[in-house]
Amino acid sequence: MLLLSPYSFGAKDIIAPGDSLSIKVFGEPDLSLDSVKVTRRGTISFPLLGEIKVSGYGPRQLETRLNTLLSNGYLLKPEVSVFVIERRPFFVKGAVENPGFYPFSGGITVEKGIILAGGFSETADKGLLTIIRENANSQETLETQLYAHIRPGDIVSVGEKDAVALSKDVFYVHGEVRTPGEYKYKKGLTVNKAIVLAGGFTKRASKRKIKITREEEDGIKTFRAKVNLTVQPGDIIDVGQSLF
């Protein structure tokens, strides 16, 4: 397990998978995008240019890159503006009062993330703090400290005093359910039964937009799930919202 120093990742403006961008090309409405989401590969589809990598750049750096690409045979003097309109949320699990997803904001630390999750529970071991971080081509589990910075999409985990991993006997339900939170795992549990335990779907829920984030031996995996899929310990079930 790698050690994450408190100030290693303070670059709050770096674009990451899951972020939503607004890209404006001055005088070219057909080339402008009101909202485009960065894929898990760190790319977007842009008019004329096709699929381009955007993760790892800051908004100003991406503006420069797009200006260069568009001036190469497409526009004479392009003027591009890039804004990050929504960041991928982070997740707090383990020995906290209210585990779940929380909106990312620039400069947020592990300590602030735990406060958003209701603070440490009585069984928390403040020395057992880890971050599960998904990069472009890999995932890492990082030992961390309270003043380390969180990135969009991070999973912050707080261990228990008895050092028994909470993920062994619980799972999490978030999103468009009536009572999101942490639930006791039982063998043979399906996604549908898990959602029933969480109070059922809200009126805005979409049964086609259920995702599971699962920690496997080769890293973190996020995938779409059907209601009859079997839940595993530590799963994070996220129910999306219908467009209608």
C-alpha atoms as a PDB file:
ATOM      1  CA  MET A   1       0.000   0.000   0.000  1.00  0.00           C
ATOM      2  CA  LEU A   2       1.340   3.418  -0.959  1.00  0.00           C
ATOM      3  CA  LEU A   3       1.583   6.384   1.403  1.00  0.00           C
ATOM      4  CA  LEU A   4      -0.218   9.554   0.411  1.00  0.00           C
ATOM      5  CA  SER A   5       1.450  12.639   1.871  1.00  0.00           C
ATOM      6  CA  PRO A   6      -0.828  15.392   3.203  1.00  0.00           C
ATOM      7  CA  TYR A   7      -0.143  17.836   0.391  1.00  0.00           C
ATOM      8  CA  SER A   8       0.692  15.608  -2.557  1.00  0.00           C
ATOM      9  CA  PHE A   9      -2.512  16.201  -4.478  1.00  0.00           C
ATOM     10  CA  GLY A  10      -3.578  19.769  -3.979  1.00  0.00           C
ATOM     11  CA  ALA A  11      -4.070  20.569  -7.673  1.00  0.00           C
ATOM     12  CA  LYS A  12      -7.791  21.298  -7.428  1.00  0.00           C
ATOM     13  CA  ASP A  13      -8.304  22.353 -11.050  1.00  0.00           C
ATOM     14  CA  ILE A  14      -7.077  19.219 -12.813  1.00  0.00           C
ATOM     15  CA  ILE A  15      -9.743  17.675 -15.055  1.00  0.00           C
ATOM     16  CA  ALA A  16     -10.572  14.041 -14.227  1.00  0.00           C
ATOM     17  CA  PRO A  17     -12.860  11.254 -15.490  1.00  0.00           C
ATOM     18  CA  GLY A  18     -16.459  11.892 -14.450  1.00  0.00           C
ATOM     19  CA  ASP A  19     -16.164  15.678 -14.586  1.00  0.00           C
ATOM     20  CA  SER A  20     -18.591  17.668 -16.747  1.00  0.00           C
ATOM     21  CA  LEU A  21     -17.166  20.467 -18.904  1.00  0.00           C
ATOM     22  CA  SER A  22     -18.574  23.454 -20.757  1.00  0.00           C
ATOM     23  CA  ILE A  23     -16.493  24.381 -23.814  1.00  0.00           C
ATOM     24  CA  LYS A  24     -17.185  27.563 -25.776  1.00  0.00           C
ATOM     25  CA  VAL A  25     -15.558  28.467 -29.103  1.00  0.00           C
ATOM     26  CA  PHE A  26     -16.046  32.196 -29.718  1.00  0.00           C
ATOM     27  CA  GLY A  27     -18.161  32.846 -32.797  1.00  0.00           C
ATOM     28  CA  GLU A  28     -18.591  29.113 -33.481  1.00  0.00           C
ATOM     29  CA  PRO A  29     -21.780  27.822 -31.793  1.00  0.00           C
ATOM     30  CA  ASP A  30     -21.615  24.570 -33.763  1.00  0.00           C
ATOM     31  CA  LEU A  31     -18.283  23.791 -32.129  1.00  0.00           C
ATOM     32  CA  SER A  32     -19.358  24.765 -28.603  1.00  0.00           C
ATOM     33  CA  LEU A  33     -20.507  22.236 -25.997  1.00  0.00           C
ATOM     34  CA  ASP A  34     -22.820  23.317 -23.170  1.00  0.00           C
ATOM     35  CA  SER A  35     -22.106  20.161 -21.190  1.00  0.00           C
ATOM     36  CA  VAL A  36     -19.909  17.165 -21.958  1.00  0.00           C
ATOM     37  CA  LYS A  37     -18.874  14.458 -19.505  1.00  0.00           C
ATOM     38  CA  VAL A  38     -15.318  13.143 -19.362  1.00  0.00           C
ATOM     39  CA  THR A  39     -15.293   9.382 -19.952  1.00  0.00           C
ATOM     40  CA  ARG A  40     -13.515   6.839 -17.759  1.00  0.00           C
ATOM     41  CA  ARG A  41     -10.738   6.895 -20.360  1.00  0.00           C
ATOM     42  CA  GLY A  42     -10.298  10.607 -19.675  1.00  0.00           C
ATOM     43  CA  THR A  43     -11.605  11.679 -23.096  1.00  0.00           C
ATOM     44  CA  ILE A  44     -14.413  13.685 -24.687  1.00  0.00           C
ATOM     45  CA  SER A  45     -15.848  13.724 -28.206  1.00  0.00           C
ATOM     46  CA  PHE A  46     -15.301  17.152 -29.761  1.00  0.00           C
ATOM     47  CA  PRO A  47     -16.688  18.455 -33.108  1.00  0.00           C
ATOM     48  CA  LEU A  48     -14.166  18.171 -35.977  1.00  0.00           C
ATOM     49  CA  LEU A  49     -11.491  16.719 -33.695  1.00  0.00           C
ATOM     50  CA  GLY A  50     -13.196  13.494 -32.634  1.00  0.00           C
ATOM     51  CA  GLU A  51     -12.175  11.811 -29.376  1.00  0.00           C
ATOM     52  CA  ILE A  52      -9.468  13.740 -27.503  1.00  0.00           C
ATOM     53  CA  LYS A  53      -7.851  13.222 -24.117  1.00  0.00           C
ATOM     54  CA  VAL A  54      -8.661  15.946 -21.569  1.00  0.00           C
ATOM     55  CA  SER A  55      -7.940  14.392 -18.157  1.00  0.00           C
ATOM     56  CA  GLY A  56      -4.761  15.586 -16.500  1.00  0.00           C
ATOM     57  CA  TYR A  57      -5.098  19.087 -17.936  1.00  0.00           C
ATOM     58  CA  GLY A  58      -6.219  22.209 -16.133  1.00  0.00           C
ATOM     59  CA  PRO A  59      -8.952  24.275 -17.850  1.00  0.00           C
ATOM     60  CA  ARG A  60      -6.437  26.886 -19.090  1.00  0.00           C
ATOM     61  CA  GLN A  61      -4.110  24.152 -20.380  1.00  0.00           C
ATOM     62  CA  LEU A  62      -6.990  22.507 -22.216  1.00  0.00           C
ATOM     63  CA  GLU A  63      -7.945  25.857 -23.771  1.00  0.00           C
ATOM     64  CA  THR A  64      -4.419  26.158 -25.152  1.00  0.00           C
ATOM     65  CA  ARG A  65      -4.505  22.594 -26.477  1.00  0.00           C
ATOM     66  CA  LEU A  66      -7.865  23.071 -28.202  1.00  0.00           C
ATOM     67  CA  ASN A  67      -6.747  26.376 -29.702  1.00  0.00           C
ATOM     68  CA  THR A  68      -3.711  24.618 -31.161  1.00  0.00           C
ATOM     69  CA  LEU A  69      -5.714  21.673 -32.524  1.00  0.00           C
ATOM     70  CA  LEU A  70      -8.420  23.883 -34.065  1.00  0.00           C
ATOM     71  CA  SER A  71      -5.891  26.213 -35.676  1.00  0.00           C
ATOM     72  CA  ASN A  72      -4.361  23.239 -37.482  1.00  0.00           C
ATOM     73  CA  GLY A  73      -6.497  23.482 -40.602  1.00  0.00           C
ATOM     74  CA  TYR A  74      -9.906  24.224 -39.068  1.00  0.00           C
ATOM     75  CA  LEU A  75     -10.085  27.823 -37.756  1.00  0.00           C
ATOM     76  CA  LEU A  76      -7.860  30.820 -38.402  1.00  0.00           C
ATOM     77  CA  LYS A  77      -7.700  32.236 -34.863  1.00  0.00           C
ATOM     78  CA  PRO A  78      -9.796  30.099 -32.504  1.00  0.00           C
ATOM     79  CA  GLU A  79     -10.698  31.411 -29.044  1.00  0.00           C
ATOM     80  CA  VAL A  80     -11.692  28.598 -26.691  1.00  0.00           C
ATOM     81  CA  SER A  81     -12.986  28.864 -23.116  1.00  0.00           C
ATOM     82  CA  VAL A  82     -13.189  25.799 -20.840  1.00  0.00           C
ATOM     83  CA  PHE A  83     -15.139  25.590 -17.570  1.00  0.00           C
ATOM     84  CA  VAL A  84     -15.554  22.666 -15.172  1.00  0.00           C
ATOM     85  CA  ILE A  85     -19.270  22.780 -14.337  1.00  0.00           C
ATOM     86  CA  GLU A  86     -19.483  19.630 -12.227  1.00  0.00           C
ATOM     87  CA  ARG A  87     -16.951  17.429 -10.445  1.00  0.00           C
ATOM     88  CA  ARG A  88     -17.289  13.705  -9.874  1.00  0.00           C
ATOM     89  CA  PRO A  89     -18.391  13.138  -6.241  1.00  0.00           C
ATOM     90  CA  PHE A  90     -16.259  11.304  -3.694  1.00  0.00           C
ATOM     91  CA  PHE A  91     -17.391   8.526  -1.355  1.00  0.00           C
ATOM     92  CA  VAL A  92     -16.778   8.119   2.378  1.00  0.00           C
ATOM     93  CA  LYS A  93     -17.222   4.671   3.889  1.00  0.00           C
ATOM     94  CA  GLY A  94     -16.335   2.733   7.021  1.00  0.00           C
ATOM     95  CA  ALA A  95     -16.454   4.010  10.597  1.00  0.00           C
ATOM     96  CA  VAL A  96     -18.266   7.322   9.991  1.00  0.00           C
ATOM     97  CA  GLU A  97     -21.787   8.312  10.976  1.00  0.00           C
ATOM     98  CA  ASN A  98     -23.219   8.869   7.487  1.00  0.00           C
ATOM     99  CA  PRO A  99     -21.307   6.966   4.779  1.00  0.00           C
ATOM    100  CA  GLY A 100     -22.165   7.958   1.227  1.00  0.00           C
ATOM    101  CA  PHE A 101     -21.357  10.135  -1.791  1.00  0.00           C
ATOM    102  CA  TYR A 102     -20.557  13.825  -1.296  1.00  0.00           C
ATOM    103  CA  PRO A 103     -20.029  16.630  -3.819  1.00  0.00           C
ATOM    104  CA  PHE A 104     -16.427  17.482  -4.571  1.00  0.00           C
ATOM    105  CA  SER A 105     -15.119  21.008  -4.137  1.00  0.00           C
ATOM    106  CA  GLY A 106     -11.632  22.341  -4.743  1.00  0.00           C
ATOM    107  CA  GLY A 107      -9.196  21.994  -1.857  1.00  0.00           C
ATOM    108  CA  ILE A 108     -11.320  19.568   0.184  1.00  0.00           C
ATOM    109  CA  THR A 109      -9.315  17.408   2.586  1.00  0.00           C
ATOM    110  CA  VAL A 110      -9.864  13.978   4.110  1.00  0.00           C
ATOM    111  CA  GLU A 111     -10.790  15.672   7.394  1.00  0.00           C
ATOM    112  CA  LYS A 112     -13.444  17.849   5.726  1.00  0.00           C
ATOM    113  CA  GLY A 113     -14.793  14.840   3.848  1.00  0.00           C
ATOM    114  CA  ILE A 114     -15.202  12.921   7.116  1.00  0.00           C
ATOM    115  CA  ILE A 115     -16.967  15.921   8.678  1.00  0.00           C
ATOM    116  CA  LEU A 116     -19.411  15.955   5.748  1.00  0.00           C
ATOM    117  CA  ALA A 117     -20.049  12.272   6.475  1.00  0.00           C
ATOM    118  CA  GLY A 118     -21.084  13.102  10.053  1.00  0.00           C
ATOM    119  CA  GLY A 119     -17.672  12.628  11.653  1.00  0.00           C
ATOM    120  CA  PHE A 120     -15.988   9.549  13.099  1.00  0.00           C
ATOM    121  CA  SER A 121     -18.153   6.850  14.677  1.00  0.00           C
ATOM    122  CA  GLU A 122     -17.346   5.515  18.154  1.00  0.00           C
ATOM    123  CA  THR A 123     -15.519   2.513  16.672  1.00  0.00           C
ATOM    124  CA  ALA A 124     -13.298   4.565  14.332  1.00  0.00           C
ATOM    125  CA  ASP A 125      -9.534   4.226  14.361  1.00  0.00           C
ATOM    126  CA  LYS A 126      -8.277   7.647  13.221  1.00  0.00           C
ATOM    127  CA  GLY A 127      -4.948   6.073  12.297  1.00  0.00           C
ATOM    128  CA  LEU A 128      -6.527   3.724   9.772  1.00  0.00           C
ATOM    129  CA  LEU A 129      -7.339   6.107   6.933  1.00  0.00           C
ATOM    130  CA  THR A 130      -7.036   5.071   3.295  1.00  0.00           C
ATOM    131  CA  ILE A 131      -8.013   6.461  -0.091  1.00  0.00           C
ATOM    132  CA  ILE A 132      -8.889   4.233  -3.019  1.00  0.00           C
ATOM    133  CA  ARG A 133      -8.016   6.252  -6.113  1.00  0.00           C
ATOM    134  CA  GLU A 134      -8.764   5.395  -9.733  1.00  0.00           C
ATOM    135  CA  ASN A 135      -6.252   6.727 -12.245  1.00  0.00           C
ATOM    136  CA  ALA A 136      -6.414   6.607 -16.038  1.00  0.00           C
ATOM    137  CA  ASN A 137      -4.980   3.086 -16.307  1.00  0.00           C
ATOM    138  CA  SER A 138      -4.847   1.757 -12.750  1.00  0.00           C
ATOM    139  CA  GLN A 139      -6.212   1.925  -9.218  1.00  0.00           C
ATOM    140  CA  GLU A 140      -4.292   2.503  -6.009  1.00  0.00           C
ATOM    141  CA  THR A 141      -5.015   2.090  -2.315  1.00  0.00           C
ATOM    142  CA  LEU A 142      -3.183   4.846  -0.451  1.00  0.00           C
ATOM    143  CA  GLU A 143      -2.532   5.281   3.246  1.00  0.00           C
ATOM    144  CA  THR A 144      -3.479   8.846   4.026  1.00  0.00           C
ATOM    145  CA  GLN A 145      -3.783  11.529   6.701  1.00  0.00           C
ATOM    146  CA  LEU A 146      -6.484  14.000   7.708  1.00  0.00           C
ATOM    147  CA  TYR A 147      -4.915  16.917   5.843  1.00  0.00           C
ATOM    148  CA  ALA A 148      -4.400  15.109   2.553  1.00  0.00           C
ATOM    149  CA  HIS A 149      -6.414  16.450  -0.355  1.00  0.00           C
ATOM    150  CA  ILE A 150      -9.241  14.445  -1.909  1.00  0.00           C
ATOM    151  CA  ARG A 151      -9.643  14.099  -5.658  1.00  0.00           C
ATOM    152  CA  PRO A 152     -12.933  13.665  -7.547  1.00  0.00           C
ATOM    153  CA  GLY A 153     -14.031  10.029  -7.476  1.00  0.00           C
ATOM    154  CA  ASP A 154     -11.903   9.076  -4.450  1.00  0.00           C
ATOM    155  CA  ILE A 155     -13.206   6.497  -1.977  1.00  0.00           C
ATOM    156  CA  VAL A 156     -12.185   7.517   1.557  1.00  0.00           C
ATOM    157  CA  SER A 157     -12.234   4.618   4.016  1.00  0.00           C
ATOM    158  CA  VAL A 158     -12.093   4.895   7.826  1.00  0.00           C
ATOM    159  CA  GLY A 159     -11.054   1.724   9.654  1.00  0.00           C
ATOM    160  CA  GLU A 160     -12.309   0.357  12.968  1.00  0.00           C
ATOM    161  CA  LYS A 161     -10.369   0.079  16.220  1.00  0.00           C
ATOM    162  CA  ASP A 162     -10.419  -3.708  16.089  1.00  0.00           C
ATOM    163  CA  ALA A 163      -8.848  -3.506  12.602  1.00  0.00           C
ATOM    164  CA  VAL A 164     -11.631  -5.651  11.102  1.00  0.00           C
ATOM    165  CA  ALA A 165     -12.487  -4.244   7.685  1.00  0.00           C
ATOM    166  CA  LEU A 166     -16.024  -2.897   7.597  1.00  0.00           C
ATOM    167  CA  SER A 167     -16.323  -3.793   3.928  1.00  0.00           C
ATOM    168  CA  LYS A 168     -16.382  -7.500   4.896  1.00  0.00           C
ATOM    169  CA  ASP A 169     -19.957  -7.371   6.195  1.00  0.00           C
ATOM    170  CA  VAL A 170     -21.622  -4.230   4.845  1.00  0.00           C
ATOM    171  CA  PHE A 171     -22.617  -2.636   1.574  1.00  0.00           C
ATOM    172  CA  TYR A 172     -23.758   0.868   0.624  1.00  0.00           C
ATOM    173  CA  VAL A 173     -26.755   2.213  -1.276  1.00  0.00           C
ATOM    174  CA  HIS A 174     -26.792   5.754  -2.618  1.00  0.00           C
ATOM    175  CA  GLY A 175     -28.702   7.926  -5.032  1.00  0.00           C
ATOM    176  CA  GLU A 176     -32.417   7.730  -5.829  1.00  0.00           C
ATOM    177  CA  VAL A 177     -33.508   5.535  -2.900  1.00  0.00           C
ATOM    178  CA  ARG A 178     -35.567   6.612   0.092  1.00  0.00           C
ATOM    179  CA  THR A 179     -33.013   5.863   2.838  1.00  0.00           C
ATOM    180  CA  PRO A 180     -29.463   5.824   1.428  1.00  0.00           C
ATOM    181  CA  GLY A 181     -26.700   4.587   3.710  1.00  0.00           C
ATOM    182  CA  GLU A 182     -24.781   1.575   4.996  1.00  0.00           C
ATOM    183  CA  TYR A 183     -26.454  -1.824   5.329  1.00  0.00           C
ATOM    184  CA  LYS A 184     -25.568  -5.221   6.762  1.00  0.00           C
ATOM    185  CA  TYR A 185     -24.506  -7.697   4.090  1.00  0.00           C
ATOM    186  CA  LYS A 186     -26.210 -11.084   3.794  1.00  0.00           C
ATOM    187  CA  LYS A 187     -25.191 -13.886   1.487  1.00  0.00           C
ATOM    188  CA  GLY A 188     -27.326 -14.160  -1.647  1.00  0.00           C
ATOM    189  CA  LEU A 189     -28.498 -10.547  -1.484  1.00  0.00           C
ATOM    190  CA  THR A 190     -29.487  -9.081  -4.863  1.00  0.00           C
ATOM    191  CA  VAL A 191     -29.454  -5.468  -6.013  1.00  0.00           C
ATOM    192  CA  ASN A 192     -33.255  -5.431  -5.902  1.00  0.00           C
ATOM    193  CA  LYS A 193     -33.335  -6.666  -2.290  1.00  0.00           C
ATOM    194  CA  ALA A 194     -30.620  -4.169  -1.357  1.00  0.00           C
ATOM    195  CA  ILE A 195     -32.735  -1.335  -2.747  1.00  0.00           C
ATOM    196  CA  VAL A 196     -35.761  -2.618  -0.798  1.00  0.00           C
ATOM    197  CA  LEU A 197     -33.641  -2.462   2.370  1.00  0.00           C
ATOM    198  CA  ALA A 198     -32.844   1.142   1.455  1.00  0.00           C
ATOM    199  CA  GLY A 199     -36.545   2.016   1.359  1.00  0.00           C
ATOM    200  CA  GLY A 200     -37.107   1.360  -2.329  1.00  0.00           C
ATOM    201  CA  PHE A 201     -36.780   3.602  -5.360  1.00  0.00           C
ATOM    202  CA  THR A 202     -37.778   7.252  -5.254  1.00  0.00           C
ATOM    203  CA  LYS A 203     -40.181   8.611  -7.876  1.00  0.00           C
ATOM    204  CA  ARG A 204     -37.191  10.012  -9.798  1.00  0.00           C
ATOM    205  CA  ALA A 205     -35.228   6.752  -9.893  1.00  0.00           C
ATOM    206  CA  SER A 206     -34.275   4.971 -13.108  1.00  0.00           C
ATOM    207  CA  LYS A 207     -33.953   1.190 -12.913  1.00  0.00           C
ATOM    208  CA  ARG A 208     -31.736   1.385 -15.990  1.00  0.00           C
ATOM    209  CA  LYS A 209     -29.210   3.625 -14.267  1.00  0.00           C
ATOM    210  CA  ILE A 210     -27.953   1.420 -11.464  1.00  0.00           C
ATOM    211  CA  LYS A 211     -24.181   1.269 -11.038  1.00  0.00           C
ATOM    212  CA  ILE A 212     -21.994  -0.710  -8.680  1.00  0.00           C
ATOM    213  CA  THR A 213     -18.501   0.285  -7.584  1.00  0.00           C
ATOM    214  CA  ARG A 214     -16.620  -2.812  -6.439  1.00  0.00           C
ATOM    215  CA  GLU A 215     -13.088  -3.323  -5.130  1.00  0.00           C
ATOM    216  CA  GLU A 216     -11.551  -6.380  -6.794  1.00  0.00           C
ATOM    217  CA  GLU A 217      -8.078  -7.891  -6.761  1.00  0.00           C
ATOM    218  CA  ASP A 218      -7.054  -6.006  -9.907  1.00  0.00           C
ATOM    219  CA  GLY A 219      -8.509  -2.662  -8.797  1.00  0.00           C
ATOM    220  CA  ILE A 220     -11.713  -0.653  -8.535  1.00  0.00           C
ATOM    221  CA  LYS A 221     -14.419  -1.448 -11.072  1.00  0.00           C
ATOM    222  CA  THR A 222     -17.588   0.563 -11.772  1.00  0.00           C
ATOM    223  CA  PHE A 223     -20.209  -1.048 -13.960  1.00  0.00           C
ATOM    224  CA  ARG A 224     -23.924  -0.984 -14.755  1.00  0.00           C
ATOM    225  CA  ALA A 225     -25.971  -3.523 -12.822  1.00  0.00           C
ATOM    226  CA  LYS A 226     -29.372  -5.186 -13.235  1.00  0.00           C
ATOM    227  CA  VAL A 227     -31.686  -5.643 -10.269  1.00  0.00           C
ATOM    228  CA  ASN A 228     -31.126  -9.417 -10.177  1.00  0.00           C
ATOM    229  CA  LEU A 229     -27.334  -9.132  -9.842  1.00  0.00           C
ATOM    230  CA  THR A 230     -25.862 -10.598  -6.644  1.00  0.00           C
ATOM    231  CA  VAL A 231     -24.355  -8.039  -4.262  1.00  0.00           C
ATOM    232  CA  GLN A 232     -20.889  -8.565  -2.780  1.00  0.00           C
ATOM    233  CA  PRO A 233     -19.553  -7.252   0.554  1.00  0.00           C
ATOM    234  CA  GLY A 234     -18.298  -3.683   0.269  1.00  0.00           C
ATOM    235  CA  ASP A 235     -20.300  -2.896  -2.875  1.00  0.00           C
ATOM    236  CA  ILE A 236     -21.368   0.703  -3.445  1.00  0.00           C
ATOM    237  CA  ILE A 237     -24.730   0.720  -5.248  1.00  0.00           C
ATOM    238  CA  ASP A 238     -25.655   4.002  -6.922  1.00  0.00           C
ATOM    239  CA  VAL A 239     -29.176   4.481  -8.327  1.00  0.00           C
ATOM    240  CA  GLY A 240     -29.361   7.172 -10.996  1.00  0.00           C
ATOM    241  CA  GLN A 241     -32.113   9.635 -11.820  1.00  0.00           C
ATOM    242  CA  SER A 242     -34.553   9.339 -14.696  1.00  0.00           C
ATOM    243  CA  LEU A 243     -34.556  12.149 -17.262  1.00  0.00           C
ATOM    244  CA  PHE A 244     -38.350  12.258 -17.224  1.00  0.00           C
END
